[in-house]
């Protein structure tokens, strides 16, 4: 069982977190960052797997989600950007304080693989593994589902959020409830990241992404309706000084009929994706180097 923690962000906000400690000396530290509206406990089995292989692993709920939810979401002033600028930042600082010199790897799913660029402390990370990492610009959704997804996330979600004061995702059976600021930031995301923020914040946002030079292995799935090649490319373009490797896997390569956006962190991938990911986490070696990444022009 993991140790339950409370991380305190720069603004004083407490985050519910879990520390998974291996028996004996840790080989390194790993931070696992969630997709939007997904609880940290969804990644518990993957965290436990990494622990079994000698890593100290931190999982955490973003502010407004799960154990980090305030008494009332209607009164919460939480932005999507805060999850990187404040929450991921706190996770990095805490893990670095715990182990100043050991390797620190960040594993991020969906928005969790994109938001490290908002964090000042992200330059302390030695390697990044992103899975389906994108920031949900609607034109990047898979062509076959694009208009349905546009109606769901960019019309219905902001309308319901305006009525309720937050997005009741749990009641709808879509995802966890979201703070209004997060839902609106997703719904009204611009093609250019910096255009989604006030003009006086844009230079600093771009500077932080550009400050990251650590290697990134960006994994996507050929049947992911969110993390399409254009979506992955758009997100990675802001990490312009990082050494990036891109891999697109097909379900067949993983021995599955379908995988999609959410499935890779399920137990059935223990002997496949999970095991292969150890090569990057432990050695910085791309275990899928034989797989090709399609160009943006080929996609969707």
C-alpha atoms as a PDB file:
ATOM      1  CA  UNK A   1       0.000   0.000   0.000  1.00  0.00           C
ATOM      2  CA  UNK A   2       1.247   3.515  -0.729  1.00  0.00           C
ATOM      3  CA  UNK A   3       1.977   6.153   1.864  1.00  0.00           C
ATOM      4  CA  UNK A   4      -0.652   8.920   1.854  1.00  0.00           C
ATOM      5  CA  UNK A   5       0.762  12.447   1.555  1.00  0.00           C
ATOM      6  CA  UNK A   6      -0.339  16.044   1.302  1.00  0.00           C
ATOM      7  CA  UNK A   7       1.682  18.138  -1.125  1.00  0.00           C
ATOM      8  CA  UNK A   8       1.585  21.889  -0.608  1.00  0.00           C
ATOM      9  CA  UNK A   9       1.758  24.019  -3.732  1.00  0.00           C
ATOM     10  CA  UNK A  10       3.344  27.475  -3.946  1.00  0.00           C
ATOM     11  CA  UNK A  11      -0.045  29.081  -3.364  1.00  0.00           C
ATOM     12  CA  UNK A  12      -0.674  26.888  -0.306  1.00  0.00           C
ATOM     13  CA  UNK A  13      -3.204  24.577  -1.973  1.00  0.00           C
ATOM     14  CA  UNK A  14      -2.931  21.001  -0.565  1.00  0.00           C
ATOM     15  CA  UNK A  15      -2.895  18.064  -2.973  1.00  0.00           C
ATOM     16  CA  UNK A  16      -3.729  14.480  -2.049  1.00  0.00           C
ATOM     17  CA  UNK A  17      -0.809  12.295  -3.124  1.00  0.00           C
ATOM     18  CA  UNK A  18       0.482   8.752  -2.745  1.00  0.00           C
ATOM     19  CA  UNK A  19       4.099   7.623  -2.463  1.00  0.00           C
ATOM     20  CA  UNK A  20       4.935   4.095  -3.577  1.00  0.00           C
ATOM     21  CA  UNK A  21       8.260   3.018  -2.063  1.00  0.00           C
ATOM     22  CA  UNK A  22      10.227  -0.025  -3.227  1.00  0.00           C
ATOM     23  CA  UNK A  23      11.907  -2.384  -0.790  1.00  0.00           C
ATOM     24  CA  UNK A  24      15.537  -1.365  -0.460  1.00  0.00           C
ATOM     25  CA  UNK A  25      17.329   1.376  -2.359  1.00  0.00           C
ATOM     26  CA  UNK A  26      15.305   3.054  -5.103  1.00  0.00           C
ATOM     27  CA  UNK A  27      16.688   3.044  -8.644  1.00  0.00           C
ATOM     28  CA  UNK A  28      15.130   6.437  -9.242  1.00  0.00           C
ATOM     29  CA  UNK A  29      11.966   8.477  -8.829  1.00  0.00           C
ATOM     30  CA  UNK A  30       8.886   8.629 -11.056  1.00  0.00           C
ATOM     31  CA  UNK A  31       5.999  11.114 -11.055  1.00  0.00           C
ATOM     32  CA  UNK A  32       2.786   9.942 -12.739  1.00  0.00           C
ATOM     33  CA  UNK A  33       0.455  12.724 -13.912  1.00  0.00           C
ATOM     34  CA  UNK A  34      -3.166  11.983 -14.786  1.00  0.00           C
ATOM     35  CA  UNK A  35      -5.375  12.720 -17.745  1.00  0.00           C
ATOM     36  CA  UNK A  36      -8.077  15.375 -17.356  1.00  0.00           C
ATOM     37  CA  UNK A  37     -10.857  14.265 -15.031  1.00  0.00           C
ATOM     38  CA  UNK A  38      -9.128  10.990 -14.131  1.00  0.00           C
ATOM     39  CA  UNK A  39      -8.366  10.065 -10.530  1.00  0.00           C
ATOM     40  CA  UNK A  40      -4.811   9.259  -9.452  1.00  0.00           C
ATOM     41  CA  UNK A  41      -6.007   5.854  -8.286  1.00  0.00           C
ATOM     42  CA  UNK A  42      -6.543   4.860 -11.929  1.00  0.00           C
ATOM     43  CA  UNK A  43      -2.729   4.718 -12.199  1.00  0.00           C
ATOM     44  CA  UNK A  44      -2.240   2.825  -8.929  1.00  0.00           C
ATOM     45  CA  UNK A  45      -1.501  -0.529 -10.525  1.00  0.00           C
ATOM     46  CA  UNK A  46       1.050   0.976 -12.892  1.00  0.00           C
ATOM     47  CA  UNK A  47       2.631   2.795  -9.941  1.00  0.00           C
ATOM     48  CA  UNK A  48       2.728  -0.477  -8.037  1.00  0.00           C
ATOM     49  CA  UNK A  49       4.363  -2.147 -11.032  1.00  0.00           C
ATOM     50  CA  UNK A  50       7.088   0.519 -11.125  1.00  0.00           C
ATOM     51  CA  UNK A  51       7.552   0.109  -7.380  1.00  0.00           C
ATOM     52  CA  UNK A  52       8.072  -3.632  -7.894  1.00  0.00           C
ATOM     53  CA  UNK A  53      10.867  -2.756 -10.303  1.00  0.00           C
ATOM     54  CA  UNK A  54      12.670  -0.561  -7.820  1.00  0.00           C
ATOM     55  CA  UNK A  55      11.263   2.939  -8.300  1.00  0.00           C
ATOM     56  CA  UNK A  56       9.833   5.422  -5.825  1.00  0.00           C
ATOM     57  CA  UNK A  57       6.620   6.600  -7.458  1.00  0.00           C
ATOM     58  CA  UNK A  58       4.426   9.615  -6.742  1.00  0.00           C
ATOM     59  CA  UNK A  59       0.809   9.781  -7.877  1.00  0.00           C
ATOM     60  CA  UNK A  60      -1.431  12.754  -7.064  1.00  0.00           C
ATOM     61  CA  UNK A  61      -4.832  14.283  -7.720  1.00  0.00           C
ATOM     62  CA  UNK A  62      -4.864  17.687  -9.367  1.00  0.00           C
ATOM     63  CA  UNK A  63      -6.606  20.497  -7.495  1.00  0.00           C
ATOM     64  CA  UNK A  64     -10.361  20.153  -7.926  1.00  0.00           C
ATOM     65  CA  UNK A  65     -10.164  16.390  -8.551  1.00  0.00           C
ATOM     66  CA  UNK A  66     -10.652  13.415  -6.207  1.00  0.00           C
ATOM     67  CA  UNK A  67      -8.786  13.796  -2.930  1.00  0.00           C
ATOM     68  CA  UNK A  68      -7.737  17.335  -3.894  1.00  0.00           C
ATOM     69  CA  UNK A  69     -11.307  18.538  -4.410  1.00  0.00           C
ATOM     70  CA  UNK A  70     -12.397  21.539  -2.322  1.00  0.00           C
ATOM     71  CA  UNK A  71     -15.626  21.630  -0.326  1.00  0.00           C
ATOM     72  CA  UNK A  72     -17.395  23.368  -3.203  1.00  0.00           C
ATOM     73  CA  UNK A  73     -16.376  23.314  -6.861  1.00  0.00           C
ATOM     74  CA  UNK A  74     -18.809  26.134  -7.573  1.00  0.00           C
ATOM     75  CA  UNK A  75     -16.566  28.546  -5.679  1.00  0.00           C
ATOM     76  CA  UNK A  76     -13.294  27.196  -7.068  1.00  0.00           C
ATOM     77  CA  UNK A  77     -11.101  29.410  -9.234  1.00  0.00           C
ATOM     78  CA  UNK A  78      -8.974  26.706 -10.826  1.00  0.00           C
ATOM     79  CA  UNK A  79      -7.490  26.789 -14.314  1.00  0.00           C
ATOM     80  CA  UNK A  80      -6.178  23.894 -16.395  1.00  0.00           C
ATOM     81  CA  UNK A  81      -2.856  25.681 -16.473  1.00  0.00           C
ATOM     82  CA  UNK A  82      -2.694  25.551 -12.649  1.00  0.00           C
ATOM     83  CA  UNK A  83      -2.337  21.782 -12.834  1.00  0.00           C
ATOM     84  CA  UNK A  84       1.075  22.292 -14.408  1.00  0.00           C
ATOM     85  CA  UNK A  85       2.176  25.661 -13.055  1.00  0.00           C
ATOM     86  CA  UNK A  86       1.313  24.798  -9.444  1.00  0.00           C
ATOM     87  CA  UNK A  87       0.440  21.098  -9.040  1.00  0.00           C
ATOM     88  CA  UNK A  88       3.041  19.335 -11.191  1.00  0.00           C
ATOM     89  CA  UNK A  89       5.520  21.929  -9.968  1.00  0.00           C
ATOM     90  CA  UNK A  90       4.805  20.901  -6.362  1.00  0.00           C
ATOM     91  CA  UNK A  91       5.224  17.212  -7.245  1.00  0.00           C
ATOM     92  CA  UNK A  92       8.641  17.853  -8.823  1.00  0.00           C
ATOM     93  CA  UNK A  93       9.856  20.002  -5.954  1.00  0.00           C
ATOM     94  CA  UNK A  94       8.727  17.438  -3.382  1.00  0.00           C
ATOM     95  CA  UNK A  95      10.389  14.526  -5.162  1.00  0.00           C
ATOM     96  CA  UNK A  96      13.576  16.521  -5.734  1.00  0.00           C
ATOM     97  CA  UNK A  97      13.722  17.476  -2.069  1.00  0.00           C
ATOM     98  CA  UNK A  98      13.318  13.822  -1.188  1.00  0.00           C
ATOM     99  CA  UNK A  99      16.065  12.699  -3.599  1.00  0.00           C
ATOM    100  CA  UNK A 100      18.140  15.643  -4.887  1.00  0.00           C
ATOM    101  CA  UNK A 101      20.599  13.646  -6.987  1.00  0.00           C
ATOM    102  CA  UNK A 102      18.823  10.536  -8.270  1.00  0.00           C
ATOM    103  CA  UNK A 103      17.154  10.258 -11.679  1.00  0.00           C
ATOM    104  CA  UNK A 104      13.667  11.774 -11.866  1.00  0.00           C
ATOM    105  CA  UNK A 105      11.306  10.648 -14.617  1.00  0.00           C
ATOM    106  CA  UNK A 106       7.866  12.105 -15.381  1.00  0.00           C
ATOM    107  CA  UNK A 107       5.184   9.883 -16.901  1.00  0.00           C
ATOM    108  CA  UNK A 108       2.199  11.834 -18.174  1.00  0.00           C
ATOM    109  CA  UNK A 109      -1.072  10.646 -19.671  1.00  0.00           C
ATOM    110  CA  UNK A 110      -3.005  12.951 -22.020  1.00  0.00           C
ATOM    111  CA  UNK A 111      -2.906  16.474 -20.506  1.00  0.00           C
ATOM    112  CA  UNK A 112      -0.536  15.017 -17.888  1.00  0.00           C
ATOM    113  CA  UNK A 113       2.070  14.640 -20.614  1.00  0.00           C
ATOM    114  CA  UNK A 114       1.628  18.205 -21.848  1.00  0.00           C
ATOM    115  CA  UNK A 115       1.244  20.267 -18.675  1.00  0.00           C
ATOM    116  CA  UNK A 116       4.847  19.872 -17.373  1.00  0.00           C
ATOM    117  CA  UNK A 117       5.768  22.702 -19.716  1.00  0.00           C
ATOM    118  CA  UNK A 118       3.838  25.135 -17.509  1.00  0.00           C
ATOM    119  CA  UNK A 119       5.961  24.300 -14.449  1.00  0.00           C
ATOM    120  CA  UNK A 120       9.036  26.318 -13.512  1.00  0.00           C
ATOM    121  CA  UNK A 121      10.560  23.235 -11.858  1.00  0.00           C
ATOM    122  CA  UNK A 122      10.101  20.970 -14.904  1.00  0.00           C
ATOM    123  CA  UNK A 123      13.736  21.570 -15.799  1.00  0.00           C
ATOM    124  CA  UNK A 124      14.569  19.342 -12.796  1.00  0.00           C
ATOM    125  CA  UNK A 125      13.132  16.290 -14.595  1.00  0.00           C
ATOM    126  CA  UNK A 126      15.650  14.026 -16.338  1.00  0.00           C
ATOM    127  CA  UNK A 127      13.308  12.261 -18.782  1.00  0.00           C
ATOM    128  CA  UNK A 128       9.687  12.469 -19.855  1.00  0.00           C
ATOM    129  CA  UNK A 129       7.400   9.697 -21.071  1.00  0.00           C
ATOM    130  CA  UNK A 130       4.139  11.004 -22.486  1.00  0.00           C
ATOM    131  CA  UNK A 131       1.201   8.841 -23.522  1.00  0.00           C
ATOM    132  CA  UNK A 132      -1.384  10.354 -25.864  1.00  0.00           C
ATOM    133  CA  UNK A 133      -0.250  13.802 -24.736  1.00  0.00           C
ATOM    134  CA  UNK A 134      -2.177  16.668 -26.302  1.00  0.00           C
ATOM    135  CA  UNK A 135      -4.211  19.634 -25.189  1.00  0.00           C
ATOM    136  CA  UNK A 136      -7.514  19.043 -26.930  1.00  0.00           C
ATOM    137  CA  UNK A 137      -7.681  21.520 -29.781  1.00  0.00           C
ATOM    138  CA  UNK A 138     -10.811  20.340 -31.546  1.00  0.00           C
ATOM    139  CA  UNK A 139      -9.469  20.330 -35.111  1.00  0.00           C
ATOM    140  CA  UNK A 140      -6.912  17.699 -34.049  1.00  0.00           C
ATOM    141  CA  UNK A 141      -9.527  15.127 -33.029  1.00  0.00           C
ATOM    142  CA  UNK A 142      -9.814  12.044 -35.273  1.00  0.00           C
ATOM    143  CA  UNK A 143     -11.856  12.917 -38.349  1.00  0.00           C
ATOM    144  CA  UNK A 144     -14.465  10.195 -37.843  1.00  0.00           C
ATOM    145  CA  UNK A 145     -15.349  11.429 -34.344  1.00  0.00           C
ATOM    146  CA  UNK A 146     -14.444  15.111 -34.650  1.00  0.00           C
ATOM    147  CA  UNK A 147     -17.877  16.702 -34.824  1.00  0.00           C
ATOM    148  CA  UNK A 148     -19.363  14.440 -32.167  1.00  0.00           C
ATOM    149  CA  UNK A 149     -16.440  15.270 -29.861  1.00  0.00           C
ATOM    150  CA  UNK A 150     -16.726  18.969 -30.707  1.00  0.00           C
ATOM    151  CA  UNK A 151     -20.401  18.954 -29.709  1.00  0.00           C
ATOM    152  CA  UNK A 152     -19.633  17.047 -26.496  1.00  0.00           C
ATOM    153  CA  UNK A 153     -16.599  18.945 -25.191  1.00  0.00           C
ATOM    154  CA  UNK A 154     -16.852  22.351 -26.856  1.00  0.00           C
ATOM    155  CA  UNK A 155     -20.600  22.998 -26.917  1.00  0.00           C
ATOM    156  CA  UNK A 156     -22.338  20.819 -24.328  1.00  0.00           C
ATOM    157  CA  UNK A 157     -19.611  20.959 -21.656  1.00  0.00           C
ATOM    158  CA  UNK A 158     -19.309  24.778 -21.476  1.00  0.00           C
ATOM    159  CA  UNK A 159     -23.105  25.167 -21.584  1.00  0.00           C
ATOM    160  CA  UNK A 160     -23.643  22.766 -18.665  1.00  0.00           C
ATOM    161  CA  UNK A 161     -20.724  24.344 -16.802  1.00  0.00           C
ATOM    162  CA  UNK A 162     -22.326  27.775 -17.121  1.00  0.00           C
ATOM    163  CA  UNK A 163     -25.555  26.399 -15.653  1.00  0.00           C
ATOM    164  CA  UNK A 164     -24.011  24.399 -12.793  1.00  0.00           C
ATOM    165  CA  UNK A 165     -20.957  26.486 -11.898  1.00  0.00           C
ATOM    166  CA  UNK A 166     -18.760  23.427 -12.561  1.00  0.00           C
ATOM    167  CA  UNK A 167     -18.881  20.493 -14.981  1.00  0.00           C
ATOM    168  CA  UNK A 168     -20.765  17.512 -13.423  1.00  0.00           C
ATOM    169  CA  UNK A 169     -18.856  14.878 -15.350  1.00  0.00           C
ATOM    170  CA  UNK A 170     -19.359  12.155 -12.748  1.00  0.00           C
ATOM    171  CA  UNK A 171     -23.143  12.475 -12.870  1.00  0.00           C
ATOM    172  CA  UNK A 172     -23.007  12.186 -16.652  1.00  0.00           C
ATOM    173  CA  UNK A 173     -20.720   9.162 -16.478  1.00  0.00           C
ATOM    174  CA  UNK A 174     -18.079  10.859 -18.639  1.00  0.00           C
ATOM    175  CA  UNK A 175     -15.243  11.622 -16.222  1.00  0.00           C
ATOM    176  CA  UNK A 176     -14.745  13.222 -12.803  1.00  0.00           C
ATOM    177  CA  UNK A 177     -16.362  16.585 -12.070  1.00  0.00           C
ATOM    178  CA  UNK A 178     -14.267  19.482 -13.350  1.00  0.00           C
ATOM    179  CA  UNK A 179     -13.798  23.008 -11.995  1.00  0.00           C
ATOM    180  CA  UNK A 180     -15.428  25.595 -14.243  1.00  0.00           C
ATOM    181  CA  UNK A 181     -12.084  27.141 -15.186  1.00  0.00           C
ATOM    182  CA  UNK A 182     -10.720  23.797 -16.361  1.00  0.00           C
ATOM    183  CA  UNK A 183     -13.848  23.016 -18.393  1.00  0.00           C
ATOM    184  CA  UNK A 184     -13.849  26.434 -20.042  1.00  0.00           C
ATOM    185  CA  UNK A 185     -10.138  26.320 -20.822  1.00  0.00           C
ATOM    186  CA  UNK A 186     -10.627  22.979 -22.558  1.00  0.00           C
ATOM    187  CA  UNK A 187     -13.770  24.084 -24.371  1.00  0.00           C
ATOM    188  CA  UNK A 188     -12.310  27.329 -25.700  1.00  0.00           C
ATOM    189  CA  UNK A 189      -8.752  26.175 -26.409  1.00  0.00           C
ATOM    190  CA  UNK A 190      -7.179  28.115 -29.312  1.00  0.00           C
ATOM    191  CA  UNK A 191      -5.005  26.676 -32.068  1.00  0.00           C
ATOM    192  CA  UNK A 192      -1.992  28.455 -30.602  1.00  0.00           C
ATOM    193  CA  UNK A 193      -1.405  27.675 -26.928  1.00  0.00           C
ATOM    194  CA  UNK A 194      -0.371  31.170 -25.946  1.00  0.00           C
ATOM    195  CA  UNK A 195      -3.572  32.651 -27.427  1.00  0.00           C
ATOM    196  CA  UNK A 196      -5.548  30.835 -24.747  1.00  0.00           C
ATOM    197  CA  UNK A 197      -4.063  33.135 -22.078  1.00  0.00           C
ATOM    198  CA  UNK A 198      -3.965  36.885 -21.435  1.00  0.00           C
ATOM    199  CA  UNK A 199      -1.383  38.717 -23.506  1.00  0.00           C
ATOM    200  CA  UNK A 200       0.786  39.619 -20.506  1.00  0.00           C
ATOM    201  CA  UNK A 201       1.188  35.878 -19.637  1.00  0.00           C
ATOM    202  CA  UNK A 202       2.068  34.573 -23.089  1.00  0.00           C
ATOM    203  CA  UNK A 203       5.805  35.213 -23.156  1.00  0.00           C
ATOM    204  CA  UNK A 204       6.309  33.445 -19.833  1.00  0.00           C
ATOM    205  CA  UNK A 205       4.219  30.439 -20.901  1.00  0.00           C
ATOM    206  CA  UNK A 206       6.319  29.956 -24.032  1.00  0.00           C
ATOM    207  CA  UNK A 207       9.569  30.528 -22.145  1.00  0.00           C
ATOM    208  CA  UNK A 208       8.813  27.752 -19.682  1.00  0.00           C
ATOM    209  CA  UNK A 209       8.095  25.214 -22.388  1.00  0.00           C
ATOM    210  CA  UNK A 210      11.233  26.212 -24.266  1.00  0.00           C
ATOM    211  CA  UNK A 211      13.347  25.903 -21.095  1.00  0.00           C
ATOM    212  CA  UNK A 212      12.904  22.124 -21.047  1.00  0.00           C
ATOM    213  CA  UNK A 213      15.771  20.292 -22.718  1.00  0.00           C
ATOM    214  CA  UNK A 214      15.374  16.809 -21.222  1.00  0.00           C
ATOM    215  CA  UNK A 215      14.536  13.921 -23.600  1.00  0.00           C
ATOM    216  CA  UNK A 216      10.870  13.219 -24.319  1.00  0.00           C
ATOM    217  CA  UNK A 217       9.497   9.918 -25.582  1.00  0.00           C
ATOM    218  CA  UNK A 218       6.020  10.650 -26.923  1.00  0.00           C
ATOM    219  CA  UNK A 219       3.887   7.523 -27.363  1.00  0.00           C
ATOM    220  CA  UNK A 220       0.576   7.555 -29.187  1.00  0.00           C
ATOM    221  CA  UNK A 221      -1.911   4.918 -30.374  1.00  0.00           C
ATOM    222  CA  UNK A 222      -3.164   4.600 -33.919  1.00  0.00           C
ATOM    223  CA  UNK A 223      -6.763   4.255 -32.663  1.00  0.00           C
ATOM    224  CA  UNK A 224      -6.647   7.204 -30.231  1.00  0.00           C
ATOM    225  CA  UNK A 225      -9.330   9.709 -31.190  1.00  0.00           C
ATOM    226  CA  UNK A 226      -7.758  12.417 -28.986  1.00  0.00           C
ATOM    227  CA  UNK A 227      -4.016  11.850 -29.383  1.00  0.00           C
ATOM    228  CA  UNK A 228      -3.843  11.895 -33.179  1.00  0.00           C
ATOM    229  CA  UNK A 229      -0.567  12.732 -34.979  1.00  0.00           C
ATOM    230  CA  UNK A 230      -1.621  16.397 -35.450  1.00  0.00           C
ATOM    231  CA  UNK A 231      -2.510  16.621 -31.738  1.00  0.00           C
ATOM    232  CA  UNK A 232       0.788  15.084 -30.644  1.00  0.00           C
ATOM    233  CA  UNK A 233       2.768  17.298 -33.017  1.00  0.00           C
ATOM    234  CA  UNK A 234       0.972  20.452 -31.859  1.00  0.00           C
ATOM    235  CA  UNK A 235       1.801  19.745 -28.213  1.00  0.00           C
ATOM    236  CA  UNK A 236       5.411  18.793 -28.843  1.00  0.00           C
ATOM    237  CA  UNK A 237       6.064  21.898 -30.928  1.00  0.00           C
ATOM    238  CA  UNK A 238       6.236  23.961 -27.726  1.00  0.00           C
ATOM    239  CA  UNK A 239       9.029  21.762 -26.342  1.00  0.00           C
ATOM    240  CA  UNK A 240      11.304  23.122 -29.033  1.00  0.00           C
ATOM    241  CA  UNK A 241      14.576  22.605 -27.146  1.00  0.00           C
ATOM    242  CA  UNK A 242      13.873  19.052 -25.961  1.00  0.00           C
ATOM    243  CA  UNK A 243      15.242  15.938 -27.647  1.00  0.00           C
ATOM    244  CA  UNK A 244      12.002  14.354 -28.818  1.00  0.00           C
ATOM    245  CA  UNK A 245      11.318  10.837 -30.046  1.00  0.00           C
ATOM    246  CA  UNK A 246       7.838   9.993 -31.310  1.00  0.00           C
ATOM    247  CA  UNK A 247       6.313   6.532 -31.564  1.00  0.00           C
ATOM    248  CA  UNK A 248       2.873   5.548 -32.755  1.00  0.00           C
ATOM    249  CA  UNK A 249       1.832   2.040 -31.710  1.00  0.00           C
ATOM    250  CA  UNK A 250      -0.984   0.026 -33.218  1.00  0.00           C
ATOM    251  CA  UNK A 251      -3.188  -2.200 -31.075  1.00  0.00           C
ATOM    252  CA  UNK A 252      -1.852  -5.187 -33.046  1.00  0.00           C
ATOM    253  CA  UNK A 253       1.722  -4.419 -31.950  1.00  0.00           C
ATOM    254  CA  UNK A 254       0.484  -4.607 -28.354  1.00  0.00           C
ATOM    255  CA  UNK A 255      -1.442  -7.811 -29.001  1.00  0.00           C
ATOM    256  CA  UNK A 256      -4.815  -6.086 -28.657  1.00  0.00           C
ATOM    257  CA  UNK A 257      -7.785  -5.441 -30.917  1.00  0.00           C
ATOM    258  CA  UNK A 258      -8.185  -1.895 -29.660  1.00  0.00           C
ATOM    259  CA  UNK A 259      -6.500   0.371 -27.122  1.00  0.00           C
ATOM    260  CA  UNK A 260      -7.587   3.970 -27.665  1.00  0.00           C
ATOM    261  CA  UNK A 261      -6.839   6.923 -25.413  1.00  0.00           C
ATOM    262  CA  UNK A 262      -7.256   5.445 -21.920  1.00  0.00           C
ATOM    263  CA  UNK A 263      -6.408   1.760 -21.965  1.00  0.00           C
ATOM    264  CA  UNK A 264      -2.589   1.594 -21.654  1.00  0.00           C
ATOM    265  CA  UNK A 265      -2.651   2.005 -17.874  1.00  0.00           C
ATOM    266  CA  UNK A 266      -4.878  -1.028 -17.348  1.00  0.00           C
ATOM    267  CA  UNK A 267      -3.464  -4.231 -15.852  1.00  0.00           C
ATOM    268  CA  UNK A 268      -3.724  -6.149 -19.116  1.00  0.00           C
ATOM    269  CA  UNK A 269      -0.746  -4.173 -20.439  1.00  0.00           C
ATOM    270  CA  UNK A 270       1.587  -5.281 -17.616  1.00  0.00           C
ATOM    271  CA  UNK A 271       3.599  -7.670 -19.783  1.00  0.00           C
ATOM    272  CA  UNK A 272       3.462  -5.441 -22.848  1.00  0.00           C
ATOM    273  CA  UNK A 273       3.508  -1.646 -22.646  1.00  0.00           C
ATOM    274  CA  UNK A 274       4.305  -1.499 -18.915  1.00  0.00           C
ATOM    275  CA  UNK A 275       7.285  -3.816 -19.242  1.00  0.00           C
ATOM    276  CA  UNK A 276       8.579  -2.000 -22.321  1.00  0.00           C
ATOM    277  CA  UNK A 277       8.258   1.399 -20.641  1.00  0.00           C
ATOM    278  CA  UNK A 278      10.922   0.356 -18.119  1.00  0.00           C
ATOM    279  CA  UNK A 279      13.575   0.662 -20.850  1.00  0.00           C
ATOM    280  CA  UNK A 280      12.891   4.375 -21.199  1.00  0.00           C
ATOM    281  CA  UNK A 281      12.331   5.013 -17.503  1.00  0.00           C
ATOM    282  CA  UNK A 282      15.483   3.187 -16.423  1.00  0.00           C
ATOM    283  CA  UNK A 283      17.871   3.646 -19.337  1.00  0.00           C
ATOM    284  CA  UNK A 284      16.487   6.363 -21.589  1.00  0.00           C
ATOM    285  CA  UNK A 285      16.230   3.734 -24.343  1.00  0.00           C
ATOM    286  CA  UNK A 286      13.295   3.764 -26.744  1.00  0.00           C
ATOM    287  CA  UNK A 287      11.961   0.186 -26.783  1.00  0.00           C
ATOM    288  CA  UNK A 288       9.781   0.924 -29.812  1.00  0.00           C
ATOM    289  CA  UNK A 289      12.465   2.465 -32.023  1.00  0.00           C
ATOM    290  CA  UNK A 290      11.367   0.218 -34.897  1.00  0.00           C
ATOM    291  CA  UNK A 291       7.894   1.732 -34.914  1.00  0.00           C
ATOM    292  CA  UNK A 292       7.327   4.745 -37.149  1.00  0.00           C
ATOM    293  CA  UNK A 293       5.498   7.952 -36.444  1.00  0.00           C
ATOM    294  CA  UNK A 294       3.230   9.015 -39.337  1.00  0.00           C
ATOM    295  CA  UNK A 295       3.542  12.554 -40.570  1.00  0.00           C
ATOM    296  CA  UNK A 296       0.823  15.032 -39.682  1.00  0.00           C
ATOM    297  CA  UNK A 297      -0.318  15.055 -43.309  1.00  0.00           C
ATOM    298  CA  UNK A 298      -1.116  11.325 -43.124  1.00  0.00           C
ATOM    299  CA  UNK A 299      -3.429  11.688 -40.162  1.00  0.00           C
ATOM    300  CA  UNK A 300      -7.129  12.208 -39.720  1.00  0.00           C
END
